[in-house]
Amino acid sequence: MNGERLTLERKLVVTGIGGQGIIFVTKVLAQAAMARGERVMASENHGMSQRGGSVMSYVKIGGSEAPLIRRGTADTLVALDRVEAIRALPYLRLSGQVCVNSPDGLGSEFMPRLNEMGVQVHAFDADACAKELGASPVANLVLLGFAAARGALGLTIDELQTAVQTLGPAKAVGLNLKALEMGARRALAIHETL
């Protein structure tokens, strides 16, 4: 292949409510993939994105030029809110993955169908970790680090850390890096106990 890297398209949906940092997560994902030399398309569907309203973004790494992700085609759903995760489930493909900020998962009523579809659900209390860091707003990056360590993003922790450093702002970089690291450590700890 003469040194060319074959890239498969990866489709990520990020969802939550206004004020949770969905747009920043989208920027981090896009920056990490672009720094790796990937073609990236990202778009947001803000709706009522002021605090409390539904927010969804799409990130396509490699592949097509269309920015939106059709229902039933997303590889991974990263959800900062359990209710928004449930709303966005139709976007997942068979054998997709969900990384959700929820200590209780998505609820037992959804699991039979998700198991039937081969969907892996990784539930994690990112809010509690962010509180341990003394900064509730970084739950988004805690969850992102968790998702990366679970292999759900197709991006590494190192790539996400570099993206956070590039995007800044300088006064928040240290805390944002700690949040990514904490999420990754918790994912690895959970994996080791299985």
Protein backbone atom coordinates (compact mmCIF):
# COMPACT_ATOMS: atom_id res chain seq x y z
CA MET A 1 0.00 0.00 0.00
CA ASN A 2 3.04 2.29 -0.32
CA GLY A 3 2.81 3.58 3.25
CA GLU A 4 -0.78 4.72 2.88
CA ARG A 5 -3.00 4.10 5.87
CA LEU A 6 -6.39 2.61 5.16
CA THR A 7 -8.94 4.42 7.30
CA LEU A 8 -12.39 3.13 8.03
CA GLU A 9 -15.10 5.60 8.81
CA ARG A 10 -15.96 5.92 12.50
CA LYS A 11 -19.23 7.56 13.50
CA LEU A 12 -19.64 9.03 16.97
CA VAL A 13 -22.75 10.63 18.48
CA VAL A 14 -22.29 12.80 21.57
CA THR A 15 -25.37 13.79 23.53
CA GLY A 16 -26.43 15.44 26.74
CA ILE A 17 -28.06 18.60 27.96
CA GLY A 18 -27.04 22.22 27.61
CA GLY A 19 -24.23 23.21 29.96
CA GLN A 20 -22.56 19.78 30.06
CA GLY A 21 -19.85 20.63 27.53
CA ILE A 22 -21.06 18.60 24.56
CA ILE A 23 -19.61 21.09 22.08
CA PHE A 24 -16.20 21.04 23.79
CA VAL A 25 -16.16 17.22 23.70
CA THR A 26 -16.96 17.42 19.98
CA LYS A 27 -14.07 19.81 19.43
CA VAL A 28 -11.68 17.55 21.37
CA LEU A 29 -12.70 14.50 19.32
CA ALA A 30 -12.38 16.39 16.03
CA GLN A 31 -9.01 17.93 16.99
CA ALA A 32 -7.60 14.56 18.08
CA ALA A 33 -8.60 12.91 14.82
CA MET A 34 -7.36 15.81 12.66
CA ALA A 35 -4.00 15.81 14.43
CA ARG A 36 -3.69 12.15 13.47
CA GLY A 37 -4.24 13.14 9.84
CA GLU A 38 -7.82 11.91 9.57
CA ARG A 39 -10.58 13.54 7.57
CA VAL A 40 -13.17 14.81 10.08
CA MET A 41 -16.72 16.08 9.75
CA ALA A 42 -18.48 17.41 12.85
CA SER A 43 -21.80 19.10 13.37
CA GLU A 44 -24.07 19.99 16.26
CA ASN A 45 -27.79 19.97 16.73
CA HIS A 46 -28.26 22.48 19.52
CA GLY A 47 -32.02 22.68 19.88
CA MET A 48 -32.61 24.29 23.25
CA SER A 49 -28.95 24.14 24.16
CA GLN A 50 -29.16 26.67 26.94
CA ARG A 51 -28.86 24.93 30.29
CA GLY A 52 -31.24 22.02 30.47
CA GLY A 53 -32.08 21.59 26.77
CA SER A 54 -31.15 18.64 24.59
CA VAL A 55 -27.85 18.83 22.68
CA MET A 56 -26.50 16.31 20.19
CA SER A 57 -23.40 16.39 18.04
CA TYR A 58 -22.01 14.15 15.36
CA VAL A 59 -18.37 13.36 14.63
CA LYS A 60 -17.37 11.38 11.54
CA ILE A 61 -13.75 10.31 11.37
CA GLY A 62 -12.57 9.22 7.92
CA GLY A 63 -14.90 8.47 5.06
CA SER A 64 -17.89 10.45 3.83
CA GLU A 65 -18.45 14.14 3.31
CA ALA A 66 -21.95 14.26 4.82
CA PRO A 67 -21.82 15.75 8.33
CA LEU A 68 -24.91 14.11 9.86
CA ILE A 69 -25.18 10.53 11.06
CA ARG A 70 -28.22 8.52 10.02
CA ARG A 71 -30.15 6.44 12.52
CA GLY A 72 -28.82 2.93 12.89
CA THR A 73 -25.28 3.77 11.73
CA ALA A 74 -23.34 5.21 14.72
CA ASP A 75 -20.48 3.13 16.08
CA THR A 76 -20.51 4.80 19.49
CA LEU A 77 -22.86 6.91 21.57
CA VAL A 78 -21.20 9.04 24.25
CA ALA A 79 -23.93 10.33 26.56
CA LEU A 80 -23.47 12.76 29.42
CA ASP A 81 -27.07 12.25 30.50
CA ARG A 82 -29.00 8.98 30.89
CA VAL A 83 -32.29 10.31 29.47
CA GLU A 84 -30.54 11.79 26.43
CA ALA A 85 -28.71 8.47 25.94
CA ILE A 86 -32.03 6.67 25.76
CA ARG A 87 -33.36 9.21 23.25
CA ALA A 88 -30.28 8.73 21.07
CA LEU A 89 -30.23 4.91 21.11
CA PRO A 90 -31.85 4.69 17.64
CA TYR A 91 -28.64 6.17 16.16
CA LEU A 92 -26.60 3.10 17.16
CA ARG A 93 -25.77 0.35 14.69
CA LEU A 94 -25.82 -3.34 15.51
CA SER A 95 -22.85 -4.15 17.77
CA GLY A 96 -22.33 -0.48 18.61
CA GLN A 97 -21.24 0.88 21.99
CA VAL A 98 -22.76 3.25 24.53
CA CYS A 99 -20.67 5.08 27.12
CA VAL A 100 -23.09 6.78 29.48
CA ASN A 101 -22.65 8.99 32.52
CA SER A 102 -24.96 7.05 34.81
CA PRO A 103 -24.24 5.01 37.93
CA ASP A 104 -27.26 2.82 37.14
CA GLY A 105 -26.81 2.23 33.42
CA LEU A 106 -29.67 2.75 30.99
CA GLY A 107 -32.28 0.73 32.86
CA SER A 108 -33.12 -2.95 32.76
CA GLU A 109 -36.06 -2.41 30.40
CA PHE A 110 -33.68 -1.53 27.53
CA MET A 111 -31.09 -4.25 28.04
CA PRO A 112 -32.87 -7.20 26.38
CA ARG A 113 -33.17 -5.30 23.08
CA LEU A 114 -29.64 -3.88 23.32
CA ASN A 115 -28.24 -7.35 24.04
CA GLU A 116 -30.17 -8.68 21.06
CA MET A 117 -28.54 -5.98 18.93
CA GLY A 118 -25.08 -6.79 20.33
CA VAL A 119 -24.76 -3.27 21.80
CA GLN A 120 -22.24 -2.93 24.62
CA VAL A 121 -23.28 -0.54 27.39
CA HIS A 122 -20.52 0.99 29.52
CA ALA A 123 -22.14 2.90 32.39
CA PHE A 124 -20.02 5.05 34.62
CA ASP A 125 -20.59 7.81 37.19
CA ALA A 126 -18.49 10.58 35.63
CA ASP A 127 -20.23 13.19 37.80
CA ALA A 128 -18.89 11.56 40.99
CA CYS A 129 -15.34 11.52 39.58
CA ALA A 130 -15.59 15.18 38.57
CA LYS A 131 -16.70 16.03 42.11
CA GLU A 132 -13.65 14.18 43.44
CA LEU A 133 -11.57 16.54 41.31
CA GLY A 134 -13.49 19.46 42.81
CA ALA A 135 -14.86 20.54 39.43
CA SER A 136 -18.28 19.25 38.36
CA PRO A 137 -18.00 20.79 34.86
CA VAL A 138 -15.22 18.35 33.83
CA ALA A 139 -17.53 15.30 33.94
CA ASN A 140 -17.57 15.54 30.14
CA LEU A 141 -13.82 14.91 29.93
CA VAL A 142 -13.93 12.23 32.63
CA LEU A 143 -16.46 10.36 30.48
CA LEU A 144 -14.37 10.97 27.35
CA GLY A 145 -11.29 9.47 29.01
CA PHE A 146 -13.40 6.52 30.15
CA ALA A 147 -14.76 5.97 26.62
CA ALA A 148 -11.27 6.15 25.07
CA ALA A 149 -9.86 3.63 27.54
CA ARG A 150 -12.78 1.28 26.77
CA GLY A 151 -11.80 1.46 23.09
CA ALA A 152 -15.10 3.06 22.12
CA LEU A 153 -13.76 6.10 20.27
CA GLY A 154 -11.04 4.82 17.98
CA LEU A 155 -8.83 7.49 19.58
CA THR A 156 -6.24 7.08 22.31
CA ILE A 157 -5.93 8.89 25.62
CA ASP A 158 -2.66 10.43 24.36
CA GLU A 159 -4.43 11.80 21.28
CA LEU A 160 -7.20 13.28 23.42
CA GLN A 161 -4.67 14.82 25.82
CA THR A 162 -2.82 16.47 22.94
CA ALA A 163 -6.13 17.83 21.63
CA VAL A 164 -7.02 19.27 25.05
CA GLN A 165 -3.62 20.96 25.24
CA THR A 166 -4.09 22.41 21.74
CA LEU A 167 -7.60 23.70 22.39
CA GLY A 168 -6.92 25.24 25.80
CA PRO A 169 -7.74 27.56 27.42
CA ALA A 170 -4.39 27.49 29.21
CA LYS A 171 -5.88 27.97 32.69
CA ALA A 172 -8.09 24.86 32.27
CA VAL A 173 -5.63 22.48 30.58
CA GLY A 174 -4.22 20.96 33.78
CA LEU A 175 -7.63 20.15 35.21
CA ASN A 176 -8.92 18.88 31.86
CA LEU A 177 -5.95 16.51 31.56
CA LYS A 178 -6.59 15.22 35.10
CA ALA A 179 -10.22 14.59 34.16
CA LEU A 180 -9.24 12.55 31.08
CA GLU A 181 -6.72 10.57 33.11
CA MET A 182 -9.21 9.86 35.90
CA GLY A 183 -11.78 8.54 33.44
CA ALA A 184 -9.18 6.32 31.78
CA ARG A 185 -7.96 4.97 35.13
CA ARG A 186 -11.52 4.13 36.22
CA ALA A 187 -12.19 2.33 32.93
CA LEU A 188 -9.06 0.23 33.35
CA ALA A 189 -9.92 -0.52 37.00
CA ILE A 190 -13.41 -1.68 36.00
CA HIS A 191 -11.95 -3.81 33.21
CA GLU A 192 -9.51 -5.50 35.61
CA THR A 193 -12.33 -6.47 38.01
CA LEU A 194 -14.34 -8.21 35.25
